[in-house]
């Protein structure tokens, strides 16, 4: 959707994905963490990187707690956070 310029629609779908995953699996499930990461990754593309940073920080903290500090997904979220820039 990003490539088609439908960023607001993508954000809406990703927000629904996060909510659904939290209901089905719980907030600490890897699928929920992945959905939150995907949503955070989309905010900068929509011109709102400031919304990405708090979500990435929370997701990173949860990944470190649930998956461990050395897990590859935790490292990917950490890398994304280091490149995020506020408005």
PDB file of N, CA and C in Angstrom:
ATOM      1  N   UNK A   1       0.823  -1.186   0.000  1.00  0.00           N
ATOM      2  CA  UNK A   1       0.000   0.000   0.000  1.00  0.00           C
ATOM      3  C   UNK A   1       0.873   1.258   0.000  1.00  0.00           C
ATOM      4  N   UNK A   2       2.044   1.148   0.640  1.00  0.00           N
ATOM      5  CA  UNK A   2       2.934   2.299   0.683  1.00  0.00           C
ATOM      6  C   UNK A   2       3.320   2.705  -0.731  1.00  0.00           C
ATOM      7  N   UNK A   3       3.630   1.729  -1.569  1.00  0.00           N
ATOM      8  CA  UNK A   3       4.019   2.000  -2.941  1.00  0.00           C
ATOM      9  C   UNK A   3       2.908   2.593  -3.775  1.00  0.00           C
ATOM     10  N   UNK A   4       1.670   2.399  -3.337  1.00  0.00           N
ATOM     11  CA  UNK A   4       0.514   2.930  -4.049  1.00  0.00           C
ATOM     12  C   UNK A   4       0.044   4.258  -3.482  1.00  0.00           C
ATOM     13  N   UNK A   5       0.721   4.746  -2.440  1.00  0.00           N
ATOM     14  CA  UNK A   5       0.352   6.025  -1.855  1.00  0.00           C
ATOM     15  C   UNK A   5      -0.845   5.969  -0.923  1.00  0.00           C
ATOM     16  N   UNK A   6      -1.227   4.797  -0.489  1.00  0.00           N
ATOM     17  CA  UNK A   6      -2.384   4.639   0.398  1.00  0.00           C
ATOM     18  C   UNK A   6      -1.908   4.485   1.845  1.00  0.00           C
ATOM     19  N   UNK A   7      -1.134   5.449   2.314  1.00  0.00           N
ATOM     20  CA  UNK A   7      -0.513   5.333   3.626  1.00  0.00           C
ATOM     21  C   UNK A   7      -1.521   5.402   4.766  1.00  0.00           C
ATOM     22  N   UNK A   8      -2.504   6.255   4.681  1.00  0.00           N
ATOM     23  CA  UNK A   8      -3.493   6.330   5.755  1.00  0.00           C
ATOM     24  C   UNK A   8      -4.284   5.035   5.858  1.00  0.00           C
ATOM     25  N   UNK A   9      -4.605   4.457   4.728  1.00  0.00           N
ATOM     26  CA  UNK A   9      -5.302   3.180   4.737  1.00  0.00           C
ATOM     27  C   UNK A   9      -4.400   2.091   5.319  1.00  0.00           C
ATOM     28  N   UNK A  10      -3.131   2.120   4.982  1.00  0.00           N
ATOM     29  CA  UNK A  10      -2.186   1.154   5.533  1.00  0.00           C
ATOM     30  C   UNK A  10      -2.091   1.294   7.042  1.00  0.00           C
ATOM     31  N   UNK A  11      -2.032   2.517   7.524  1.00  0.00           N
ATOM     32  CA  UNK A  11      -1.966   2.748   8.970  1.00  0.00           C
ATOM     33  C   UNK A  11      -3.224   2.237   9.653  1.00  0.00           C
ATOM     34  N   UNK A  12      -4.371   2.488   9.067  1.00  0.00           N
ATOM     35  CA  UNK A  12      -5.626   1.991   9.639  1.00  0.00           C
ATOM     36  C   UNK A  12      -5.608   0.470   9.725  1.00  0.00           C
ATOM     37  N   UNK A  13      -5.186  -0.195   8.662  1.00  0.00           N
ATOM     38  CA  UNK A  13      -5.122  -1.657   8.661  1.00  0.00           C
ATOM     39  C   UNK A  13      -4.112  -2.170   9.691  1.00  0.00           C
ATOM     40  N   UNK A  14      -2.976  -1.507   9.786  1.00  0.00           N
ATOM     41  CA  UNK A  14      -1.961  -1.941  10.743  1.00  0.00           C
ATOM     42  C   UNK A  14      -2.426  -1.720  12.183  1.00  0.00           C
ATOM     43  N   UNK A  15      -3.136  -0.627  12.443  1.00  0.00           N
ATOM     44  CA  UNK A  15      -3.685  -0.406  13.780  1.00  0.00           C
ATOM     45  C   UNK A  15      -4.678  -1.516  14.132  1.00  0.00           C
ATOM     46  N   UNK A  16      -5.494  -1.904  13.167  1.00  0.00           N
ATOM     47  CA  UNK A  16      -6.426  -3.016  13.385  1.00  0.00           C
ATOM     48  C   UNK A  16      -5.669  -4.320  13.621  1.00  0.00           C
ATOM     49  N   UNK A  17      -4.599  -4.516  12.898  1.00  0.00           N
ATOM     50  CA  UNK A  17      -3.793  -5.721  13.055  1.00  0.00           C
ATOM     51  C   UNK A  17      -3.209  -5.805  14.461  1.00  0.00           C
ATOM     52  N   UNK A  18      -2.715  -4.688  14.957  1.00  0.00           N
ATOM     53  CA  UNK A  18      -2.168  -4.659  16.320  1.00  0.00           C
ATOM     54  C   UNK A  18      -3.261  -4.993  17.331  1.00  0.00           C
ATOM     55  N   UNK A  19      -4.401  -4.350  17.205  1.00  0.00           N
ATOM     56  CA  UNK A  19      -5.502  -4.583  18.149  1.00  0.00           C
ATOM     57  C   UNK A  19      -5.973  -6.036  18.104  1.00  0.00           C
ATOM     58  N   UNK A  20      -6.110  -6.573  16.917  1.00  0.00           N
ATOM     59  CA  UNK A  20      -6.568  -7.956  16.776  1.00  0.00           C
ATOM     60  C   UNK A  20      -5.543  -8.939  17.334  1.00  0.00           C
ATOM     61  N   UNK A  21      -4.291  -8.713  17.042  1.00  0.00           N
ATOM     62  CA  UNK A  21      -3.246  -9.600  17.540  1.00  0.00           C
ATOM     63  C   UNK A  21      -3.174  -9.554  19.064  1.00  0.00           C
ATOM     64  N   UNK A  22      -3.338  -8.367  19.637  1.00  0.00           N
ATOM     65  CA  UNK A  22      -3.339  -8.253  21.096  1.00  0.00           C
ATOM     66  C   UNK A  22      -4.504  -9.038  21.700  1.00  0.00           C
ATOM     67  N   UNK A  23      -5.671  -8.961  21.063  1.00  0.00           N
ATOM     68  CA  UNK A  23      -6.839  -9.701  21.565  1.00  0.00           C
ATOM     69  C   UNK A  23      -6.665 -11.205  21.420  1.00  0.00           C
ATOM     70  N   UNK A  24      -6.156 -11.638  20.270  1.00  0.00           N
ATOM     71  CA  UNK A  24      -6.027 -13.069  20.005  1.00  0.00           C
ATOM     72  C   UNK A  24      -4.854 -13.719  20.733  1.00  0.00           C
ATOM     73  N   UNK A  25      -3.716 -13.038  20.734  1.00  0.00           N
ATOM     74  CA  UNK A  25      -2.484 -13.644  21.227  1.00  0.00           C
ATOM     75  C   UNK A  25      -1.959 -13.049  22.526  1.00  0.00           C
ATOM     76  N   UNK A  26      -2.366 -11.818  22.818  1.00  0.00           N
ATOM     77  CA  UNK A  26      -1.826 -11.111  23.973  1.00  0.00           C
ATOM     78  C   UNK A  26      -0.754 -10.123  23.552  1.00  0.00           C
ATOM     79  N   UNK A  27      -0.427  -9.188  24.425  1.00  0.00           N
ATOM     80  CA  UNK A  27       0.502  -8.109  24.061  1.00  0.00           C
ATOM     81  C   UNK A  27       1.950  -8.546  23.893  1.00  0.00           C
ATOM     82  N   UNK A  28       2.319  -9.711  24.443  1.00  0.00           N
ATOM     83  CA  UNK A  28       3.712 -10.151  24.385  1.00  0.00           C
ATOM     84  C   UNK A  28       4.007 -11.191  23.312  1.00  0.00           C
ATOM     85  N   UNK A  29       3.009 -11.558  22.541  1.00  0.00           N
ATOM     86  CA  UNK A  29       3.216 -12.574  21.509  1.00  0.00           C
ATOM     87  C   UNK A  29       4.086 -11.999  20.380  1.00  0.00           C
ATOM     88  N   UNK A  30       4.976 -12.800  19.810  1.00  0.00           N
ATOM     89  CA  UNK A  30       5.814 -12.313  18.712  1.00  0.00           C
ATOM     90  C   UNK A  30       5.025 -11.715  17.545  1.00  0.00           C
ATOM     91  N   UNK A  31       3.852 -12.261  17.231  1.00  0.00           N
ATOM     92  CA  UNK A  31       3.045 -11.690  16.146  1.00  0.00           C
ATOM     93  C   UNK A  31       2.564 -10.283  16.494  1.00  0.00           C
ATOM     94  N   UNK A  32       2.220 -10.073  17.759  1.00  0.00           N
ATOM     95  CA  UNK A  32       1.795  -8.745  18.201  1.00  0.00           C
ATOM     96  C   UNK A  32       2.965  -7.770  18.135  1.00  0.00           C
ATOM     97  N   UNK A  33       4.118  -8.213  18.584  1.00  0.00           N
ATOM     98  CA  UNK A  33       5.310  -7.361  18.508  1.00  0.00           C
ATOM     99  C   UNK A  33       5.637  -7.007  17.061  1.00  0.00           C
ATOM    100  N   UNK A  34       5.490  -7.968  16.168  1.00  0.00           N
ATOM    101  CA  UNK A  34       5.748  -7.721  14.742  1.00  0.00           C
ATOM    102  C   UNK A  34       4.739  -6.725  14.167  1.00  0.00           C
ATOM    103  N   UNK A  35       3.481  -6.850  14.565  1.00  0.00           N
ATOM    104  CA  UNK A  35       2.461  -5.909  14.079  1.00  0.00           C
ATOM    105  C   UNK A  35       2.757  -4.495  14.564  1.00  0.00           C
ATOM    106  N   UNK A  36       3.157  -4.376  15.816  1.00  0.00           N
ATOM    107  CA  UNK A  36       3.502  -3.049  16.352  1.00  0.00           C
ATOM    108  C   UNK A  36       4.709  -2.467  15.616  1.00  0.00           C
ATOM    109  N   UNK A  37       5.688  -3.311  15.333  1.00  0.00           N
ATOM    110  CA  UNK A  37       6.862  -2.872  14.593  1.00  0.00           C
ATOM    111  C   UNK A  37       6.484  -2.401  13.188  1.00  0.00           C
ATOM    112  N   UNK A  38       5.612  -3.147  12.519  1.00  0.00           N
ATOM    113  CA  UNK A  38       5.168  -2.761  11.172  1.00  0.00           C
ATOM    114  C   UNK A  38       4.448  -1.416  11.200  1.00  0.00           C
ATOM    115  N   UNK A  39       3.604  -1.218  12.192  1.00  0.00           N
ATOM    116  CA  UNK A  39       2.891   0.057  12.317  1.00  0.00           C
ATOM    117  C   UNK A  39       3.888   1.190  12.542  1.00  0.00           C
ATOM    118  N   UNK A  40       4.813   0.991  13.455  1.00  0.00           N
ATOM    119  CA  UNK A  40       5.810   2.034  13.731  1.00  0.00           C
ATOM    120  C   UNK A  40       6.638   2.348  12.490  1.00  0.00           C
ATOM    121  N   UNK A  41       6.940   1.326  11.704  1.00  0.00           N
ATOM    122  CA  UNK A  41       7.733   1.515  10.487  1.00  0.00           C
ATOM    123  C   UNK A  41       6.976   2.332   9.439  1.00  0.00           C
ATOM    124  N   UNK A  42       5.654   2.303   9.488  1.00  0.00           N
ATOM    125  CA  UNK A  42       4.844   2.999   8.484  1.00  0.00           C
ATOM    126  C   UNK A  42       4.656   4.477   8.816  1.00  0.00           C
ATOM    127  N   UNK A  43       4.669   4.828  10.094  1.00  0.00           N
ATOM    128  CA  UNK A  43       4.451   6.232  10.466  1.00  0.00           C
ATOM    129  C   UNK A  43       5.410   7.209   9.772  1.00  0.00           C
ATOM    130  N   UNK A  44       6.718   6.948   9.719  1.00  0.00           N
ATOM    131  CA  UNK A  44       7.596   7.910   9.029  1.00  0.00           C
ATOM    132  C   UNK A  44       7.251   8.097   7.552  1.00  0.00           C
ATOM    133  N   UNK A  45       6.815   7.021   6.908  1.00  0.00           N
ATOM    134  CA  UNK A  45       6.445   7.122   5.495  1.00  0.00           C
ATOM    135  C   UNK A  45       5.239   8.035   5.304  1.00  0.00           C
ATOM    136  N   UNK A  46       4.394   8.124   6.334  1.00  0.00           N
ATOM    137  CA  UNK A  46       3.211   8.981   6.238  1.00  0.00           C
ATOM    138  C   UNK A  46       3.524  10.409   6.654  1.00  0.00           C
ATOM    139  N   UNK A  47       4.804  10.694   6.944  1.00  0.00           N
ATOM    140  CA  UNK A  47       5.192  12.046   7.335  1.00  0.00           C
ATOM    141  C   UNK A  47       5.072  12.301   8.826  1.00  0.00           C
ATOM    142  N   UNK A  48       4.975  11.241   9.630  1.00  0.00           N
ATOM    143  CA  UNK A  48       4.790  11.395  11.065  1.00  0.00           C
ATOM    144  C   UNK A  48       5.764  10.513  11.855  1.00  0.00           C
ATOM    145  N   UNK A  49       7.077  10.761  11.708  1.00  0.00           N
ATOM    146  CA  UNK A  49       8.037   9.919  12.420  1.00  0.00           C
ATOM    147  C   UNK A  49       7.951  10.071  13.937  1.00  0.00           C
ATOM    148  N   UNK A  50       7.396  11.171  14.417  1.00  0.00           N
ATOM    149  CA  UNK A  50       7.254  11.373  15.851  1.00  0.00           C
ATOM    150  C   UNK A  50       6.368  10.332  16.513  1.00  0.00           C
ATOM    151  N   UNK A  51       5.428   9.782  15.783  1.00  0.00           N
ATOM    152  CA  UNK A  51       4.572   8.719  16.323  1.00  0.00           C
ATOM    153  C   UNK A  51       5.305   7.381  16.343  1.00  0.00           C
ATOM    154  N   UNK A  52       6.297   7.243  15.506  1.00  0.00           N
ATOM    155  CA  UNK A  52       7.032   5.983  15.435  1.00  0.00           C
ATOM    156  C   UNK A  52       7.921   5.782  16.658  1.00  0.00           C
ATOM    157  N   UNK A  53       8.550   6.831  17.122  1.00  0.00           N
ATOM    158  CA  UNK A  53       9.560   6.704  18.175  1.00  0.00           C
ATOM    159  C   UNK A  53       8.994   6.123  19.471  1.00  0.00           C
ATOM    160  N   UNK A  54       7.900   6.656  20.030  1.00  0.00           N
ATOM    161  CA  UNK A  54       7.391   6.056  21.267  1.00  0.00           C
ATOM    162  C   UNK A  54       6.946   4.607  21.085  1.00  0.00           C
ATOM    163  N   UNK A  55       6.367   4.304  19.935  1.00  0.00           N
ATOM    164  CA  UNK A  55       5.930   2.933  19.670  1.00  0.00           C
ATOM    165  C   UNK A  55       7.127   2.002  19.528  1.00  0.00           C
ATOM    166  N   UNK A  56       8.172   2.462  18.856  1.00  0.00           N
ATOM    167  CA  UNK A  56       9.382   1.652  18.732  1.00  0.00           C
ATOM    168  C   UNK A  56      10.050   1.444  20.079  1.00  0.00           C
ATOM    169  N   UNK A  57      10.085   2.473  20.917  1.00  0.00           N
ATOM    170  CA  UNK A  57      10.683   2.336  22.251  1.00  0.00           C
ATOM    171  C   UNK A  57       9.933   1.295  23.080  1.00  0.00           C
ATOM    172  N   UNK A  58       8.617   1.365  23.052  1.00  0.00           N
ATOM    173  CA  UNK A  58       7.814   0.398  23.808  1.00  0.00           C
ATOM    174  C   UNK A  58       7.973  -1.007  23.239  1.00  0.00           C
ATOM    175  N   UNK A  59       7.994  -1.112  21.921  1.00  0.00           N
ATOM    176  CA  UNK A  59       8.148  -2.420  21.288  1.00  0.00           C
ATOM    177  C   UNK A  59       9.528  -2.998  21.583  1.00  0.00           C
ATOM    178  N   UNK A  60      10.550  -2.155  21.556  1.00  0.00           N
ATOM    179  CA  UNK A  60      11.896  -2.624  21.874  1.00  0.00           C
ATOM    180  C   UNK A  60      11.970  -3.139  23.307  1.00  0.00           C
ATOM    181  N   UNK A  61      11.403  -2.395  24.239  1.00  0.00           N
ATOM    182  CA  UNK A  61      11.417  -2.834  25.639  1.00  0.00           C
ATOM    183  C   UNK A  61      10.715  -4.184  25.787  1.00  0.00           C
ATOM    184  N   UNK A  62       9.593  -4.340  25.102  1.00  0.00           N
ATOM    185  CA  UNK A  62       8.868  -5.611  25.169  1.00  0.00           C
ATOM    186  C   UNK A  62       9.646  -6.735  24.492  1.00  0.00           C
ATOM    187  N   UNK A  63      10.287  -6.448  23.365  1.00  0.00           N
ATOM    188  CA  UNK A  63      11.095  -7.467  22.683  1.00  0.00           C
ATOM    189  C   UNK A  63      12.257  -7.913  23.569  1.00  0.00           C
ATOM    190  N   UNK A  64      12.913  -6.967  24.207  1.00  0.00           N
ATOM    191  CA  UNK A  64      14.029  -7.325  25.080  1.00  0.00           C
ATOM    192  C   UNK A  64      13.548  -8.203  26.236  1.00  0.00           C
ATOM    193  N   UNK A  65      12.399  -7.871  26.782  1.00  0.00           N
ATOM    194  CA  UNK A  65      11.851  -8.620  27.911  1.00  0.00           C
ATOM    195  C   UNK A  65      11.375 -10.013  27.477  1.00  0.00           C
ATOM    196  N   UNK A  66      10.688 -10.089  26.325  1.00  0.00           N
ATOM    197  CA  UNK A  66      10.074 -11.341  25.882  1.00  0.00           C
ATOM    198  C   UNK A  66      11.046 -12.218  25.098  1.00  0.00           C
ATOM    199  N   UNK A  67      11.751 -11.627  24.154  1.00  0.00           N
ATOM    200  CA  UNK A  67      12.602 -12.400  23.249  1.00  0.00           C
ATOM    201  C   UNK A  67      14.065 -12.433  23.680  1.00  0.00           C
ATOM    202  N   UNK A  68      14.476 -11.438  24.442  1.00  0.00           N
ATOM    203  CA  UNK A  68      15.864 -11.321  24.853  1.00  0.00           C
ATOM    204  C   UNK A  68      16.587 -10.250  24.061  1.00  0.00           C
ATOM    205  N   UNK A  69      17.651  -9.736  24.639  1.00  0.00           N
ATOM    206  CA  UNK A  69      18.381  -8.625  24.017  1.00  0.00           C
ATOM    207  C   UNK A  69      19.159  -9.040  22.775  1.00  0.00           C
ATOM    208  N   UNK A  70      19.464 -10.321  22.657  1.00  0.00           N
ATOM    209  CA  UNK A  70      20.273 -10.789  21.525  1.00  0.00           C
ATOM    210  C   UNK A  70      19.454 -11.386  20.383  1.00  0.00           C
ATOM    211  N   UNK A  71      18.144 -11.400  20.511  1.00  0.00           N
ATOM    212  CA  UNK A  71      17.288 -11.976  19.459  1.00  0.00           C
ATOM    213  C   UNK A  71      17.365 -11.113  18.198  1.00  0.00           C
ATOM    214  N   UNK A  72      17.297 -11.744  17.044  1.00  0.00           N
ATOM    215  CA  UNK A  72      17.428 -11.007  15.782  1.00  0.00           C
ATOM    216  C   UNK A  72      16.294  -9.988  15.582  1.00  0.00           C
ATOM    217  N   UNK A  73      15.089 -10.319  16.018  1.00  0.00           N
ATOM    218  CA  UNK A  73      13.990  -9.369  15.860  1.00  0.00           C
ATOM    219  C   UNK A  73      14.179  -8.172  16.789  1.00  0.00           C
ATOM    220  N   UNK A  74      14.674  -8.420  18.001  1.00  0.00           N
ATOM    221  CA  UNK A  74      14.982  -7.328  18.929  1.00  0.00           C
ATOM    222  C   UNK A  74      16.027  -6.404  18.308  1.00  0.00           C
ATOM    223  N   UNK A  75      17.028  -6.980  17.688  1.00  0.00           N
ATOM    224  CA  UNK A  75      18.067  -6.184  17.036  1.00  0.00           C
ATOM    225  C   UNK A  75      17.497  -5.361  15.886  1.00  0.00           C
ATOM    226  N   UNK A  76      16.557  -5.934  15.153  1.00  0.00           N
ATOM    227  CA  UNK A  76      15.944  -5.204  14.036  1.00  0.00           C
ATOM    228  C   UNK A  76      15.132  -4.015  14.542  1.00  0.00           C
ATOM    229  N   UNK A  77      14.395  -4.202  15.623  1.00  0.00           N
ATOM    230  CA  UNK A  77      13.623  -3.088  16.196  1.00  0.00           C
ATOM    231  C   UNK A  77      14.577  -2.028  16.726  1.00  0.00           C
ATOM    232  N   UNK A  78      15.643  -2.436  17.384  1.00  0.00           N
ATOM    233  CA  UNK A  78      16.640  -1.495  17.907  1.00  0.00           C
ATOM    234  C   UNK A  78      17.241  -0.670  16.768  1.00  0.00           C
ATOM    235  N   UNK A  79      17.567  -1.331  15.670  1.00  0.00           N
ATOM    236  CA  UNK A  79      18.149  -0.626  14.517  1.00  0.00           C
ATOM    237  C   UNK A  79      17.160   0.383  13.939  1.00  0.00           C
ATOM    238  N   UNK A  80      15.891  -0.014  13.875  1.00  0.00           N
ATOM    239  CA  UNK A  80      14.877   0.890  13.351  1.00  0.00           C
ATOM    240  C   UNK A  80      14.731   2.120  14.246  1.00  0.00           C
ATOM    241  N   UNK A  81      14.821   1.901  15.547  1.00  0.00           N
ATOM    242  CA  UNK A  81      14.705   3.011  16.491  1.00  0.00           C
ATOM    243  C   UNK A  81      15.888   3.972  16.346  1.00  0.00           C
ATOM    244  N   UNK A  82      17.075   3.453  16.108  1.00  0.00           N
ATOM    245  CA  UNK A  82      18.241   4.335  15.991  1.00  0.00           C
ATOM    246  C   UNK A  82      18.180   5.213  14.747  1.00  0.00           C
ATOM    247  N   UNK A  83      17.424   4.803  13.742  1.00  0.00           N
ATOM    248  CA  UNK A  83      17.321   5.606  12.525  1.00  0.00           C
ATOM    249  C   UNK A  83      16.066   6.480  12.484  1.00  0.00           C
ATOM    250  N   UNK A  84      15.170   6.293  13.447  1.00  0.00           N
ATOM    251  CA  UNK A  84      13.934   7.102  13.478  1.00  0.00           C
ATOM    252  C   UNK A  84      14.266   8.524  13.893  1.00  0.00           C
ATOM    253  N   UNK A  85      13.618   9.469  13.272  1.00  0.00           N
ATOM    254  CA  UNK A  85      13.837  10.882  13.582  1.00  0.00           C
ATOM    255  C   UNK A  85      12.493  11.555  13.829  1.00  0.00           C
ATOM    256  N   UNK A  86      12.409  12.364  14.892  1.00  0.00           N
ATOM    257  CA  UNK A  86      11.156  13.081  15.143  1.00  0.00           C
ATOM    258  C   UNK A  86      10.951  14.188  14.121  1.00  0.00           C
ATOM    259  N   UNK A  87       9.714  14.680  14.060  1.00  0.00           N
ATOM    260  CA  UNK A  87       9.402  15.808  13.143  1.00  0.00           C
ATOM    261  C   UNK A  87      10.149  17.045  13.564  1.00  0.00           C
TER     262      UNK A  87
END
